Amino acid sequence: MKTDSIFYRLFQEFPNIFFELIGNSPETATNYQFSSVEIKQTAFRIDGIFLPETESTEVNQSNQSVKTDSIFYRLFQEFPNIFFELIGNSPENTANYQFSSVEIKQTAFRIDGVFLPQTEEQPIYFVEVQFQPDTEIYSRLFTEINLYLHQNQPENDWFAVVIYPSRSIDTAKTMHYRESFASGRVTRIYLDELGENASLPIGIATIKLVIENENRAIQSARELITRTNQEVESVRQQQQLLQIIETILVYKFPSMDIKEIQEMFGLSDLKQTRVYQQAFAEGEREGEQKGKQEGERRGKLLAVPAMLAAGLTVEQVAQALSLTVDEVRQAAQQQSSN
């Protein structure tokens, strides 16, 4: 998952969407921060490994033990049947195995999505978004997680969530990790199986817009724009969510420019995503003539009339622009008197 991807933006700006997606309360998001982490590791050595004779996987093998006087290493090296008796298997299995040590080298891994809790009582969530078939996704994911746990030694429990557009993309083998899937430690979510958009929370419905075909995406986007304006109370979050919807539409219709997309969905809908940005930019340009320090404040004040005209209350405008209610009212009165 690239850090500039739509999903990363969604989880970064609206972490509650992730917790709704996995069936948790959206309020849980207040206890987490979402980030990406890099894990560097030069090499690991597994001192003892029994490899079946039919194993075709290539590994860097070494017959030298980490400690040459290790009793257990010598025992398993010289009497491998002891190991199989120890685990309750037939000692005859020895004939099918060779015992060795292996070195595993890896320079670095990056985990692109991690929800880190503020307390030790809450679990860590590792997030992977996979939209292309990848037969190595689980081996890579578990390696990343185990390296992270090894290096950071957190007291927290952990879970992993892999998000797919559909089951057809989930092609990797899970045999080596079946206990983690069976126990619920790892959850797979298929977006096309989440249900109808109208019955979903607005954040999850926005995620589903990514997988809609072009015909369905047009109607879904219009419904989402309406829902965003009606259901999202925070002005800032309205702007952020509408911008993400617009970004998805640009991605869905690469042959169209932004103006064509705006016309398709109605200027009055998508222009609202720019009410603050355009008004602010205009004010800042004027403010630069009077000095950069005053430019930002001037930009905010000039943004007031446009935001009020868009249907926002005085209180909402004040909150979005970090102004007082009196400043907003004064800016509105000045504009009406001009």
Protein backbone atom coordinates (compact mmCIF):
# COMPACT_ATOMS: atom_id res chain seq x y z
CA MET A 1 0.00 0.00 0.00
CA LYS A 2 1.67 3.23 -1.13
CA THR A 3 1.65 6.13 1.32
CA ASP A 4 -0.08 8.39 -1.19
CA SER A 5 -2.80 5.87 -2.01
CA ILE A 6 -6.48 6.54 -1.55
CA PHE A 7 -6.72 4.00 1.25
CA TYR A 8 -3.80 5.46 3.14
CA ARG A 9 -5.39 8.91 2.89
CA LEU A 10 -8.72 7.55 4.08
CA PHE A 11 -7.26 5.78 7.10
CA GLN A 12 -4.97 8.71 7.87
CA GLU A 13 -7.72 11.32 7.77
CA PHE A 14 -10.64 9.11 8.86
CA PRO A 15 -9.28 6.32 11.08
CA ASN A 16 -12.83 5.60 12.27
CA ILE A 17 -13.52 4.08 8.83
CA PHE A 18 -11.03 1.29 9.48
CA PHE A 19 -12.61 0.37 12.82
CA GLU A 20 -16.07 0.38 11.28
CA LEU A 21 -14.72 -1.85 8.53
CA ILE A 22 -13.57 -4.50 11.00
CA GLY A 23 -16.77 -4.27 13.05
CA ASN A 24 -15.45 -2.19 15.96
CA SER A 25 -16.85 1.02 17.36
CA PRO A 26 -15.66 4.07 15.37
CA GLU A 27 -14.93 5.78 18.71
CA THR A 28 -12.00 3.37 19.08
CA ALA A 29 -10.11 5.51 16.56
CA THR A 30 -9.51 8.22 19.19
CA ASN A 31 -7.07 5.87 20.93
CA TYR A 32 -4.92 5.20 17.86
CA GLN A 33 -2.53 6.89 15.49
CA PHE A 34 -2.08 5.62 11.93
CA SER A 35 1.38 5.52 10.39
CA SER A 36 3.86 3.53 8.34
CA VAL A 37 6.97 2.00 9.86
CA GLU A 38 10.24 0.79 8.39
CA ILE A 39 11.93 -2.28 9.81
CA LYS A 40 15.59 -2.85 9.11
CA GLN A 41 17.31 -6.15 9.72
CA THR A 42 20.56 -7.40 8.22
CA ALA A 43 20.26 -11.11 8.99
CA PHE A 44 18.71 -13.78 11.19
CA ARG A 45 20.10 -17.21 11.93
CA ILE A 46 17.87 -20.19 12.65
CA ASP A 47 20.18 -22.54 14.49
CA GLY A 48 18.21 -25.70 13.93
CA ILE A 49 15.89 -26.68 11.10
CA PHE A 50 14.80 -30.04 9.74
CA LEU A 51 14.32 -29.79 5.98
CA PRO A 52 12.49 -32.61 4.21
CA GLU A 53 14.46 -34.24 1.41
CA THR A 54 11.75 -33.26 -1.10
CA GLU A 55 11.94 -29.58 -0.12
CA SER A 56 12.77 -27.48 -3.19
CA THR A 57 13.02 -24.11 -1.47
CA GLU A 58 16.49 -22.63 -1.72
CA VAL A 59 18.03 -21.42 1.54
CA ASN A 60 21.49 -20.33 2.51
CA GLN A 61 22.59 -23.32 4.57
CA SER A 62 25.46 -23.64 6.96
CA ASN A 63 26.52 -26.79 8.80
CA GLN A 64 28.30 -24.83 11.50
CA SER A 65 26.41 -24.39 14.72
CA VAL A 66 26.22 -21.02 16.45
CA LYS A 67 27.80 -22.72 19.44
CA THR A 68 29.90 -25.70 18.39
CA ASP A 69 29.60 -27.24 21.83
CA SER A 70 25.81 -26.99 21.89
CA ILE A 71 24.57 -30.31 23.24
CA PHE A 72 21.18 -30.03 21.58
CA TYR A 73 22.63 -29.10 18.24
CA ARG A 74 25.01 -32.05 18.38
CA LEU A 75 22.23 -34.39 19.44
CA PHE A 76 19.90 -33.36 16.63
CA GLN A 77 22.76 -33.32 14.15
CA GLU A 78 24.04 -36.77 15.04
CA PHE A 79 20.80 -38.38 16.26
CA PRO A 80 17.94 -36.64 14.44
CA ASN A 81 15.58 -39.44 15.48
CA ILE A 82 15.64 -37.94 19.00
CA PHE A 83 13.85 -34.85 17.77
CA PHE A 84 11.03 -36.79 16.16
CA GLU A 85 10.63 -38.96 19.27
CA LEU A 86 10.54 -35.76 21.33
CA ILE A 87 7.60 -34.37 19.37
CA GLY A 88 5.77 -37.68 19.37
CA ASN A 89 6.49 -38.69 15.78
CA SER A 90 7.96 -41.90 14.48
CA PRO A 91 11.79 -41.92 14.55
CA GLU A 92 11.64 -43.40 11.05
CA ASN A 93 10.83 -39.87 9.81
CA THR A 94 14.52 -39.14 10.24
CA ALA A 95 15.30 -40.74 6.89
CA ASN A 96 13.37 -38.01 5.08
CA TYR A 97 15.10 -35.04 6.71
CA GLN A 98 18.42 -33.28 6.97
CA PHE A 99 19.28 -31.07 9.93
CA SER A 100 21.09 -27.77 9.43
CA SER A 101 21.19 -24.09 10.38
CA VAL A 102 20.07 -21.41 7.97
CA GLU A 103 20.74 -17.72 7.64
CA ILE A 104 18.01 -15.37 6.47
CA LYS A 105 19.07 -12.00 5.10
CA GLN A 106 16.81 -9.01 4.53
CA THR A 107 17.85 -5.36 4.39
CA ALA A 108 14.52 -3.68 5.20
CA PHE A 109 10.75 -4.01 5.22
CA ARG A 110 8.14 -1.27 5.24
CA ILE A 111 4.77 -1.78 6.85
CA ASP A 112 2.65 0.87 5.19
CA GLY A 113 -0.32 0.78 7.53
CA VAL A 114 -0.15 0.37 11.29
CA PHE A 115 -2.64 1.52 13.92
CA LEU A 116 -0.63 2.04 17.09
CA PRO A 117 -2.69 2.29 20.31
CA GLN A 118 -2.02 4.74 23.09
CA THR A 119 -2.28 2.10 25.82
CA GLU A 120 -0.90 -1.42 26.27
CA GLU A 121 -4.40 -2.85 26.79
CA GLN A 122 -5.42 -2.23 23.18
CA PRO A 123 -4.11 -4.30 20.25
CA ILE A 124 -1.91 -3.13 17.39
CA TYR A 125 -3.55 -3.39 13.94
CA PHE A 126 -1.39 -4.07 10.87
CA VAL A 127 -3.16 -3.12 7.63
CA GLU A 128 -2.44 -4.36 4.12
CA VAL A 129 -4.42 -3.30 1.02
CA GLN A 130 -3.95 -5.69 -1.90
CA PHE A 131 -5.54 -5.03 -5.28
CA GLN A 132 -3.29 -7.28 -7.38
CA PRO A 133 -2.72 -11.05 -7.06
CA ASP A 134 0.40 -11.68 -5.00
CA THR A 135 1.42 -15.20 -4.07
CA GLU A 136 3.92 -13.88 -1.49
CA ILE A 137 1.68 -11.47 0.37
CA TYR A 138 1.24 -13.60 3.49
CA SER A 139 4.87 -14.65 3.77
CA ARG A 140 5.85 -11.00 3.47
CA LEU A 141 3.15 -9.79 5.85
CA PHE A 142 4.03 -12.24 8.62
CA THR A 143 7.73 -11.52 8.18
CA GLU A 144 7.09 -7.80 8.54
CA ILE A 145 4.93 -8.30 11.60
CA ASN A 146 7.37 -10.63 13.32
CA LEU A 147 10.29 -8.32 12.63
CA TYR A 148 8.31 -5.42 14.05
CA LEU A 149 7.45 -7.41 17.18
CA HIS A 150 11.06 -8.54 17.53
CA GLN A 151 12.51 -5.05 17.25
CA ASN A 152 9.91 -3.13 19.26
CA GLN A 153 8.90 -5.72 21.87
CA PRO A 154 5.44 -4.22 22.45
CA GLU A 155 3.30 -5.42 25.34
CA ASN A 156 0.21 -5.16 23.15
CA ASP A 157 -1.59 -7.98 21.44
CA TRP A 158 -1.83 -7.64 17.65
CA PHE A 159 -4.15 -8.28 14.72
CA ALA A 160 -3.72 -7.97 10.96
CA VAL A 161 -6.30 -6.96 8.35
CA VAL A 162 -5.88 -7.57 4.62
CA ILE A 163 -8.28 -5.71 2.33
CA TYR A 164 -9.04 -7.14 -1.11
CA PRO A 165 -11.43 -5.89 -3.82
CA SER A 166 -12.70 -9.48 -4.21
CA ARG A 167 -11.86 -13.08 -3.34
CA SER A 168 -10.47 -13.65 -6.83
CA ILE A 169 -7.42 -11.53 -5.92
CA ASP A 170 -6.72 -13.55 -2.78
CA THR A 171 -4.54 -16.23 -4.41
CA ALA A 172 -1.73 -16.73 -1.87
CA LYS A 173 -1.42 -19.98 0.06
CA THR A 174 -2.22 -19.83 3.77
CA MET A 175 -0.97 -23.27 4.84
CA HIS A 176 1.96 -21.94 6.87
CA TYR A 177 -0.24 -19.43 8.68
CA ARG A 178 -3.53 -21.32 9.02
CA GLU A 179 -3.65 -20.99 12.83
CA SER A 180 -3.54 -17.20 12.55
CA PHE A 181 -6.45 -17.22 10.11
CA ALA A 182 -8.43 -19.79 12.08
CA SER A 183 -8.01 -17.90 15.35
CA GLY A 184 -9.13 -14.58 13.86
CA ARG A 185 -5.75 -12.94 14.39
CA VAL A 186 -5.70 -12.21 10.66
CA THR A 187 -8.88 -10.99 8.97
CA ARG A 188 -9.50 -10.79 5.22
CA ILE A 189 -12.06 -8.27 3.98
CA TYR A 190 -13.51 -8.46 0.46
CA LEU A 191 -14.98 -5.10 -0.51
CA ASP A 192 -17.44 -6.51 -3.03
CA GLU A 193 -19.08 -8.56 -0.26
CA LEU A 194 -19.81 -5.70 2.14
CA GLY A 195 -23.38 -5.13 0.99
CA GLU A 196 -25.29 -2.23 -0.56
CA ASN A 197 -23.80 1.24 -0.15
CA ALA A 198 -26.99 2.73 1.28
CA SER A 199 -26.83 0.34 4.26
CA LEU A 200 -23.14 1.01 4.98
CA PRO A 201 -21.57 3.79 7.07
CA ILE A 202 -20.51 6.65 4.80
CA GLY A 203 -16.81 5.94 5.23
CA ILE A 204 -17.11 2.29 4.17
CA ALA A 205 -19.37 3.32 1.28
CA THR A 206 -16.60 5.69 0.16
CA ILE A 207 -14.11 2.80 0.18
CA LYS A 208 -16.46 0.74 -1.98
CA LEU A 209 -16.55 3.52 -4.58
CA VAL A 210 -13.03 2.43 -5.56
CA ILE A 211 -14.25 -0.93 -6.88
CA GLU A 212 -17.47 0.22 -8.58
CA ASN A 213 -17.64 0.00 -12.37
CA GLU A 214 -17.92 3.31 -14.23
CA ASN A 215 -21.69 3.21 -14.64
CA ARG A 216 -22.32 2.37 -11.00
CA ALA A 217 -19.62 4.78 -9.80
CA ILE A 218 -21.49 7.78 -11.21
CA GLN A 219 -24.63 7.11 -9.19
CA SER A 220 -22.70 6.03 -6.10
CA ALA A 221 -20.59 9.19 -6.13
CA ARG A 222 -23.65 11.42 -6.35
CA GLU A 223 -25.22 9.59 -3.43
CA LEU A 224 -22.01 9.89 -1.41
CA ILE A 225 -21.74 13.63 -2.08
CA THR A 226 -25.31 14.10 -0.85
CA ARG A 227 -24.71 11.93 2.22
CA THR A 228 -21.47 13.75 3.04
CA ASN A 229 -23.18 17.12 3.05
CA GLN A 230 -26.06 15.76 5.15
CA GLU A 231 -24.35 13.40 7.58
CA VAL A 232 -20.87 14.82 8.25
CA GLU A 233 -21.13 17.66 10.74
CA SER A 234 -17.51 18.81 10.80
CA VAL A 235 -16.83 21.27 7.98
CA ARG A 236 -13.21 20.22 7.78
CA GLN A 237 -14.13 16.56 7.52
CA GLN A 238 -16.73 17.39 4.88
CA GLN A 239 -14.04 19.03 2.79
CA GLN A 240 -11.60 16.15 3.29
CA LEU A 241 -14.11 13.45 2.45
CA LEU A 242 -15.45 15.25 -0.62
CA GLN A 243 -11.89 15.73 -1.86
CA ILE A 244 -11.22 12.01 -1.46
CA ILE A 245 -14.41 11.21 -3.39
CA GLU A 246 -13.21 13.55 -6.12
CA THR A 247 -9.79 11.88 -6.12
CA ILE A 248 -11.43 8.48 -6.56
CA LEU A 249 -13.46 9.83 -9.47
CA VAL A 250 -10.32 11.14 -11.17
CA TYR A 251 -8.84 7.66 -10.70
CA LYS A 252 -12.01 6.00 -12.04
CA PHE A 253 -12.24 8.25 -15.12
CA PRO A 254 -8.61 8.81 -16.21
CA SER A 255 -9.62 9.98 -19.69
CA MET A 256 -11.57 12.93 -18.29
CA ASP A 257 -10.12 16.14 -16.91
CA ILE A 258 -11.28 17.65 -13.64
CA LYS A 259 -13.69 20.09 -15.30
CA GLU A 260 -15.44 17.30 -17.15
CA ILE A 261 -15.79 15.36 -13.93
CA GLN A 262 -17.24 18.40 -12.20
CA GLU A 263 -19.78 18.83 -14.95
CA MET A 264 -20.73 15.16 -14.78
CA PHE A 265 -21.52 15.39 -11.09
CA GLY A 266 -22.77 18.97 -10.95
CA LEU A 267 -20.71 22.05 -10.25
CA SER A 268 -22.68 22.83 -7.13
CA ASP A 269 -21.67 19.48 -5.64
CA LEU A 270 -17.97 19.27 -6.34
CA LYS A 271 -17.23 22.98 -6.15
CA GLN A 272 -17.98 22.75 -2.47
CA THR A 273 -14.74 20.85 -2.07
CA ARG A 274 -12.97 24.04 -3.09
CA VAL A 275 -15.04 26.66 -1.25
CA TYR A 276 -12.42 27.12 1.40
CA GLN A 277 -9.35 26.45 -0.77
CA GLN A 278 -10.28 28.86 -3.58
CA ALA A 279 -11.48 31.62 -1.29
CA PHE A 280 -8.43 31.24 0.88
CA ALA A 281 -6.09 31.39 -2.13
CA GLU A 282 -7.80 34.54 -3.40
CA GLY A 283 -7.46 36.24 -0.04
CA GLU A 284 -3.84 35.18 0.28
CA ARG A 285 -3.00 36.69 -3.10
CA GLU A 286 -4.49 39.99 -2.02
CA GLY A 287 -2.85 39.69 1.35
CA GLU A 288 0.60 39.28 -0.18
CA GLN A 289 0.41 42.88 -1.34
CA LYS A 290 0.15 43.95 2.30
CA GLY A 291 2.69 41.50 3.60
CA LYS A 292 2.96 37.75 4.01
CA GLN A 293 2.22 37.84 7.71
CA GLU A 294 -1.20 39.35 7.12
CA GLY A 295 -1.89 37.18 4.08
CA GLU A 296 -3.08 34.13 5.96
CA ARG A 297 -5.50 36.04 8.16
CA ARG A 298 -6.78 38.00 5.16
CA GLY A 299 -7.33 34.77 3.30
CA LYS A 300 -9.43 33.37 6.11
CA LEU A 301 -11.57 36.48 6.34
CA LEU A 302 -12.22 36.54 2.60
CA ALA A 303 -13.21 32.89 2.76
CA VAL A 304 -16.05 33.65 5.17
CA PRO A 305 -18.71 34.95 2.70
CA ALA A 306 -18.23 32.03 0.31
CA MET A 307 -18.55 29.48 3.11
CA LEU A 308 -21.64 31.17 4.54
CA ALA A 309 -23.13 31.24 1.04
CA ALA A 310 -22.53 27.49 0.81
CA GLY A 311 -24.95 27.03 3.71
CA LEU A 312 -22.58 26.76 6.67
CA THR A 313 -23.47 28.38 9.97
CA VAL A 314 -21.38 31.13 11.56
CA GLU A 315 -20.20 28.67 14.20
CA GLN A 316 -19.16 26.08 11.60
CA VAL A 317 -17.19 28.68 9.62
CA ALA A 318 -15.46 29.89 12.77
CA GLN A 319 -14.47 26.34 13.67
CA ALA A 320 -13.16 25.53 10.20
CA LEU A 321 -11.10 28.72 9.88
CA SER A 322 -9.91 28.94 13.50
CA LEU A 323 -11.59 32.33 13.90
CA THR A 324 -13.88 33.65 16.61
CA VAL A 325 -17.61 33.92 15.99
CA ASP A 326 -17.32 37.72 16.23
CA GLU A 327 -14.60 37.77 13.56
CA VAL A 328 -16.78 35.73 11.22
CA ARG A 329 -19.76 38.03 11.76
CA GLN A 330 -17.64 41.13 11.20
CA ALA A 331 -16.22 39.69 7.98
CA ALA A 332 -19.74 38.89 6.75
CA GLN A 333 -20.99 42.41 7.59
CA GLN A 334 -18.04 44.01 5.84
CA GLN A 335 -18.72 42.03 2.70
CA SER A 336 -22.42 42.94 2.67
CA SER A 337 -21.66 46.62 3.14
CA ASN A 338 -19.16 46.67 0.23
